[in-house]
Amino acid sequence: MDWEAIWLSLRLAVSTTAILLVIGTPVAYWLAFSPRRWKFLVEAVVALPLVLPPTVLGFYVLLAMGPRSPIGALYGKLTGGMLPFSFQGLLLASVLYSMPFTVQPLAAAFAAVDRKLVEASYCLGVSRLATFRRVVAPLALPGIAAGAILSFAHTMGEFGVVLMVGGNIAGVTRTVSISIYDQVQALHYAAAWETSLFLLAISFGVLAVTYGLQRRFWTIWPMT
């Protein structure tokens, strides 16, 4: 079993999930509560990775972070390195690719919160940030948990995007899915079986935790 690739994938998945929770929460909140008629355009942009082939998305991300692009040139000046074929580039691509899996569950959970409770909080003089922390977030907790867990699981299984952007560098960009592909190509079916079984167990585990948390949450706070 390729433990180096497994550890790299776990580190990538945790980092991607943490970043997506930070940047995806305000985006999801805006999508849920904004009265703007054109917000469907933002929703389409967020959901674009769901319909784009991973190789297409990976190709455009690779061009966007290349050394001649503004992003790549700025990163090179600041760090002296390159984003393509690095863990940092892999992380950026994973954030873009997994964004719908965070934003959409969060936006649906925020939209399901009773607006009367939010308006009552505003009428009592509570700020928007405090209302989100005390009212919206606790009621939307199952959606927040689902978004985080789905993003983690999706990042663990990424293949096309990470291969396009990161290549196959051992210890740097070789994730567990790429390791399985290499093992199959080399006819090491026993090793591929073990690694695939490990990934299957993780995927099943995170989904079981997601559904278990949702069931437990609504048992404690049943909907009326």
Protein backbone atom coordinates (compact mmCIF):
# COMPACT_ATOMS: atom_id res chain seq x y z
CA MET A 1 0.00 0.00 0.00
CA ASP A 2 1.33 3.43 -0.98
CA TRP A 3 1.20 5.19 2.40
CA GLU A 4 3.06 8.20 1.05
CA ALA A 5 0.31 8.83 -1.51
CA ILE A 6 -2.39 8.19 1.10
CA TRP A 7 -0.85 10.71 3.48
CA LEU A 8 -0.54 13.27 0.67
CA SER A 9 -4.20 12.79 -0.28
CA LEU A 10 -5.30 13.15 3.35
CA ARG A 11 -3.29 16.35 3.72
CA LEU A 12 -4.71 17.68 0.46
CA ALA A 13 -8.28 16.78 1.44
CA VAL A 14 -8.04 18.37 4.89
CA SER A 15 -6.47 21.56 3.50
CA THR A 16 -9.00 21.81 0.69
CA THR A 17 -11.94 21.31 3.05
CA ALA A 18 -10.67 23.94 5.49
CA ILE A 19 -10.16 26.52 2.73
CA LEU A 20 -13.54 25.79 1.17
CA LEU A 21 -15.33 26.24 4.49
CA VAL A 22 -13.69 29.65 4.87
CA ILE A 23 -14.37 30.96 1.36
CA GLY A 24 -17.46 28.89 0.55
CA THR A 25 -19.53 29.88 3.58
CA PRO A 26 -19.91 33.58 2.65
CA VAL A 27 -20.57 32.64 -0.98
CA ALA A 28 -23.26 30.16 0.05
CA TYR A 29 -24.78 32.68 2.47
CA TRP A 30 -24.96 35.29 -0.28
CA LEU A 31 -26.55 32.82 -2.70
CA ALA A 32 -29.14 31.85 -0.09
CA PHE A 33 -30.16 35.34 1.03
CA SER A 34 -29.29 37.72 -1.79
CA PRO A 35 -32.28 39.22 -3.67
CA ARG A 36 -30.17 39.86 -6.77
CA ARG A 37 -31.81 38.50 -9.90
CA TRP A 38 -28.49 37.80 -11.57
CA LYS A 39 -27.21 35.54 -8.79
CA PHE A 40 -28.04 32.55 -11.01
CA LEU A 41 -24.91 33.48 -12.96
CA VAL A 42 -22.82 33.05 -9.81
CA GLU A 43 -24.59 29.75 -9.12
CA ALA A 44 -23.70 28.60 -12.64
CA VAL A 45 -20.04 29.52 -12.17
CA VAL A 46 -19.89 27.69 -8.83
CA ALA A 47 -21.53 24.58 -10.31
CA LEU A 48 -19.40 24.59 -13.48
CA PRO A 49 -16.91 21.95 -12.20
CA LEU A 50 -19.82 19.50 -11.91
CA VAL A 51 -20.37 19.43 -15.68
CA LEU A 52 -16.91 20.21 -17.05
CA PRO A 53 -14.69 17.21 -17.80
CA PRO A 54 -11.89 17.14 -15.21
CA THR A 55 -9.24 17.28 -17.93
CA VAL A 56 -10.79 20.45 -19.40
CA LEU A 57 -10.92 22.14 -16.00
CA GLY A 58 -7.40 20.96 -15.25
CA PHE A 59 -6.14 22.34 -18.56
CA TYR A 60 -7.56 25.81 -17.95
CA VAL A 61 -6.32 25.84 -14.36
CA LEU A 62 -2.89 24.80 -15.60
CA LEU A 63 -2.88 27.71 -18.06
CA ALA A 64 -4.12 30.13 -15.40
CA MET A 65 -1.30 29.26 -12.99
CA GLY A 66 1.50 28.90 -15.53
CA PRO A 67 4.68 30.97 -15.13
CA ARG A 68 3.59 33.38 -17.89
CA SER A 69 0.14 34.00 -16.41
CA PRO A 70 -0.46 36.88 -13.93
CA ILE A 71 -1.15 34.43 -11.10
CA GLY A 72 1.86 32.26 -11.87
CA ALA A 73 4.15 35.24 -12.36
CA LEU A 74 3.07 36.80 -9.05
CA TYR A 75 3.54 33.50 -7.24
CA GLY A 76 7.02 33.14 -8.79
CA LYS A 77 8.05 36.60 -7.63
CA LEU A 78 6.80 35.98 -4.10
CA THR A 79 8.13 32.45 -3.60
CA GLY A 80 10.61 31.81 -6.37
CA GLY A 81 8.77 28.63 -7.36
CA MET A 82 6.03 27.55 -9.74
CA LEU A 83 2.44 26.54 -9.05
CA PRO A 84 2.18 23.78 -11.69
CA PHE A 85 3.45 20.40 -10.50
CA SER A 86 3.57 21.52 -6.87
CA PHE A 87 1.43 20.80 -3.82
CA GLN A 88 0.31 24.44 -3.72
CA GLY A 89 -0.91 24.24 -7.31
CA LEU A 90 -2.61 20.95 -6.51
CA LEU A 91 -4.36 22.61 -3.58
CA LEU A 92 -5.58 25.51 -5.71
CA ALA A 93 -6.96 23.15 -8.35
CA SER A 94 -8.66 21.00 -5.70
CA VAL A 95 -10.35 24.05 -4.15
CA LEU A 96 -11.78 25.06 -7.52
CA TYR A 97 -12.82 21.51 -8.42
CA SER A 98 -14.51 20.72 -5.09
CA MET A 99 -16.17 24.10 -4.54
CA PRO A 100 -19.69 22.96 -5.65
CA PHE A 101 -19.59 20.15 -3.10
CA THR A 102 -19.22 22.72 -0.33
CA VAL A 103 -21.20 25.70 -1.58
CA GLN A 104 -24.33 23.90 -2.77
CA PRO A 105 -25.07 21.97 0.48
CA LEU A 106 -24.34 25.08 2.52
CA ALA A 107 -26.54 27.31 0.35
CA ALA A 108 -29.40 24.79 0.56
CA ALA A 109 -29.04 24.58 4.35
CA PHE A 110 -28.96 28.36 4.74
CA ALA A 111 -31.99 28.79 2.48
CA ALA A 112 -33.94 26.28 4.59
CA VAL A 113 -33.55 28.41 7.74
CA ASP A 114 -36.82 30.12 8.66
CA ARG A 115 -36.55 33.75 7.54
CA LYS A 116 -38.79 34.82 10.41
CA LEU A 117 -36.11 33.78 12.89
CA VAL A 118 -33.48 35.77 11.03
CA GLU A 119 -35.72 38.84 10.78
CA ALA A 120 -36.59 38.56 14.47
CA SER A 121 -32.89 38.60 15.31
CA TYR A 122 -32.39 41.71 13.20
CA CYS A 123 -35.36 43.41 14.90
CA LEU A 124 -33.75 42.76 18.28
CA GLY A 125 -30.70 44.70 17.14
CA VAL A 126 -28.42 41.72 16.60
CA SER A 127 -25.80 42.22 13.88
CA ARG A 128 -25.69 40.10 10.74
CA LEU A 129 -22.53 38.32 11.87
CA ALA A 130 -23.96 37.56 15.29
CA THR A 131 -27.24 36.41 13.72
CA PHE A 132 -25.33 34.04 11.49
CA ARG A 133 -23.34 32.69 14.43
CA ARG A 134 -26.28 32.31 16.81
CA VAL A 135 -29.21 31.53 14.51
CA VAL A 136 -28.29 30.54 10.96
CA ALA A 137 -25.20 28.39 11.58
CA PRO A 138 -26.70 26.19 14.34
CA LEU A 139 -29.84 25.52 12.27
CA ALA A 140 -27.77 24.84 9.14
CA LEU A 141 -25.29 22.58 10.93
CA PRO A 142 -26.25 19.38 9.03
CA GLY A 143 -25.69 21.14 5.71
CA ILE A 144 -22.36 22.54 6.87
CA ALA A 145 -21.23 19.10 8.01
CA ALA A 146 -22.41 17.53 4.76
CA GLY A 147 -20.56 20.10 2.67
CA ALA A 148 -17.33 19.59 4.59
CA ILE A 149 -17.49 15.80 4.47
CA LEU A 150 -18.46 15.66 0.79
CA SER A 151 -15.61 18.02 -0.10
CA PHE A 152 -13.18 15.86 1.84
CA ALA A 153 -14.37 12.65 0.17
CA HIS A 154 -14.41 14.23 -3.29
CA THR A 155 -10.85 15.52 -2.90
CA MET A 156 -9.64 12.10 -1.76
CA GLY A 157 -10.86 10.57 -5.04
CA GLU A 158 -9.72 13.26 -7.48
CA PHE A 159 -7.85 12.04 -10.53
CA GLY A 160 -8.15 14.03 -13.76
CA VAL A 161 -7.62 17.52 -12.37
CA VAL A 162 -4.76 16.57 -10.06
CA LEU A 163 -3.01 14.64 -12.84
CA MET A 164 -3.28 17.60 -15.24
CA VAL A 165 -2.09 20.19 -12.72
CA GLY A 166 0.27 18.19 -10.49
CA GLY A 167 1.50 15.38 -12.66
CA ASN A 168 2.80 12.27 -10.93
CA ILE A 169 5.65 13.29 -8.64
CA ALA A 170 6.18 10.92 -5.71
CA GLY A 171 5.82 12.64 -2.35
CA VAL A 172 4.78 15.93 -3.97
CA THR A 173 1.74 15.46 -6.22
CA ARG A 174 1.12 11.70 -6.44
CA THR A 175 -2.25 11.24 -4.78
CA VAL A 176 -3.85 7.94 -3.86
CA SER A 177 -5.99 7.80 -7.02
CA ILE A 178 -2.93 8.31 -9.23
CA SER A 179 -1.08 5.68 -7.21
CA ILE A 180 -3.86 3.17 -7.89
CA TYR A 181 -3.67 3.97 -11.60
CA ASP A 182 0.11 3.42 -11.58
CA GLN A 183 -0.28 0.12 -9.76
CA VAL A 184 -2.82 -1.13 -12.30
CA GLN A 185 -0.63 0.00 -15.20
CA ALA A 186 2.28 -1.92 -13.68
CA LEU A 187 0.03 -4.99 -13.21
CA HIS A 188 0.44 -4.79 -9.43
CA TYR A 189 -3.15 -5.79 -8.84
CA ALA A 190 -2.65 -6.88 -5.23
CA ALA A 191 -1.31 -3.45 -4.24
CA ALA A 192 -4.06 -1.74 -6.25
CA TRP A 193 -6.65 -3.88 -4.47
CA GLU A 194 -5.35 -2.92 -1.03
CA THR A 195 -5.19 0.80 -1.82
CA SER A 196 -8.60 0.78 -3.50
CA LEU A 197 -10.11 -1.03 -0.52
CA PHE A 198 -8.65 1.60 1.80
CA LEU A 199 -10.14 4.39 -0.31
CA LEU A 200 -13.48 2.58 -0.45
CA ALA A 201 -13.51 2.27 3.35
CA ILE A 202 -12.82 6.00 3.74
CA SER A 203 -15.57 6.91 1.26
CA PHE A 204 -18.09 4.67 2.99
CA GLY A 205 -17.03 5.95 6.40
CA VAL A 206 -17.46 9.64 5.58
CA LEU A 207 -20.88 9.02 4.03
CA ALA A 208 -21.98 6.98 7.05
CA VAL A 209 -20.81 9.77 9.35
CA THR A 210 -22.68 12.35 7.25
CA TYR A 211 -26.00 10.50 7.38
CA GLY A 212 -25.47 9.60 11.03
CA LEU A 213 -24.85 13.21 12.01
CA GLN A 214 -27.93 14.38 10.14
CA ARG A 215 -30.11 11.75 11.80
CA ARG A 216 -28.70 12.58 15.22
CA PHE A 217 -29.14 16.32 14.67
CA TRP A 218 -32.79 16.09 13.71
CA THR A 219 -33.42 13.69 16.59
CA ILE A 220 -32.15 16.32 19.03
CA TRP A 221 -33.75 19.27 17.20
CA PRO A 222 -36.75 17.87 15.32
CA MET A 223 -38.30 20.04 12.64
CA THR A 224 -41.78 21.34 13.36
